[in-house]
Amino acid sequence: MTTHALAGLGLFLTGAAFSQALAFGIAAWAKARRERQIDDTLGPPAPDPSDPNK
């Protein structure tokens, strides 16, 4: 492979990895926001009765 082809492949893979990390970050932020909205509306979840650490 030529240097240009290797450079292009590297840029492509770097861009793909960055895009995937950005998408996972946005999904995690949206999930946390949704959970905060539910907690604000309904209050925090009830404690689990089967939890041994009471």
Protein backbone atom coordinates (compact mmCIF):
# COMPACT_ATOMS: atom_id res chain seq x y z
CA MET A 1 0.00 0.00 0.00
CA THR A 2 1.11 3.49 -0.60
CA THR A 3 1.52 6.07 2.11
CA HIS A 4 -1.55 7.93 0.90
CA ALA A 5 -3.70 4.81 1.09
CA LEU A 6 -2.50 4.06 4.62
CA ALA A 7 -3.11 7.65 5.68
CA GLY A 8 -6.60 7.56 4.19
CA LEU A 9 -7.39 4.28 5.93
CA GLY A 10 -6.13 5.67 9.23
CA LEU A 11 -8.26 8.79 8.90
CA PHE A 12 -11.30 6.70 7.99
CA LEU A 13 -10.88 4.40 11.01
CA THR A 14 -10.22 7.33 13.33
CA GLY A 15 -13.35 9.09 12.10
CA ALA A 16 -15.43 5.93 12.50
CA ALA A 17 -14.19 5.38 16.05
CA PHE A 18 -14.86 9.02 16.96
CA SER A 19 -18.36 8.87 15.49
CA GLN A 20 -19.16 5.70 17.43
CA ALA A 21 -17.84 7.15 20.70
CA LEU A 22 -19.88 10.30 20.11
CA ALA A 23 -23.02 8.26 19.41
CA PHE A 24 -22.58 6.21 22.61
CA GLY A 25 -22.00 9.41 24.59
CA ILE A 26 -25.17 11.01 23.23
CA ALA A 27 -27.17 7.83 23.95
CA ALA A 28 -25.89 7.69 27.55
CA TRP A 29 -26.69 11.39 28.05
CA ALA A 30 -30.22 10.93 26.66
CA LYS A 31 -30.84 7.89 28.90
CA ALA A 32 -29.66 9.77 32.00
CA ARG A 33 -31.84 12.74 31.07
CA ARG A 34 -34.88 10.48 30.58
CA GLU A 35 -34.28 8.83 33.98
CA ARG A 36 -33.98 12.25 35.66
CA GLN A 37 -37.28 13.32 34.10
CA ILE A 38 -38.98 10.17 35.37
CA ASP A 39 -37.52 10.68 38.86
CA ASP A 40 -38.69 14.31 38.85
CA THR A 41 -42.20 13.21 37.87
CA LEU A 42 -42.65 10.09 39.96
CA GLY A 43 -40.00 10.45 42.63
CA PRO A 44 -37.11 8.05 43.23
CA PRO A 45 -37.71 4.33 42.81
CA ALA A 46 -38.85 2.32 45.81
CA PRO A 47 -36.20 0.26 47.60
CA ASP A 48 -35.84 -3.34 46.50
CA PRO A 49 -37.34 -5.58 49.21
CA SER A 50 -34.93 -8.41 48.35
CA ASP A 51 -31.87 -6.17 48.89
CA PRO A 52 -29.82 -7.54 51.86
CA ASN A 53 -28.12 -4.14 52.44
CA LYS A 54 -30.96 -2.39 54.24
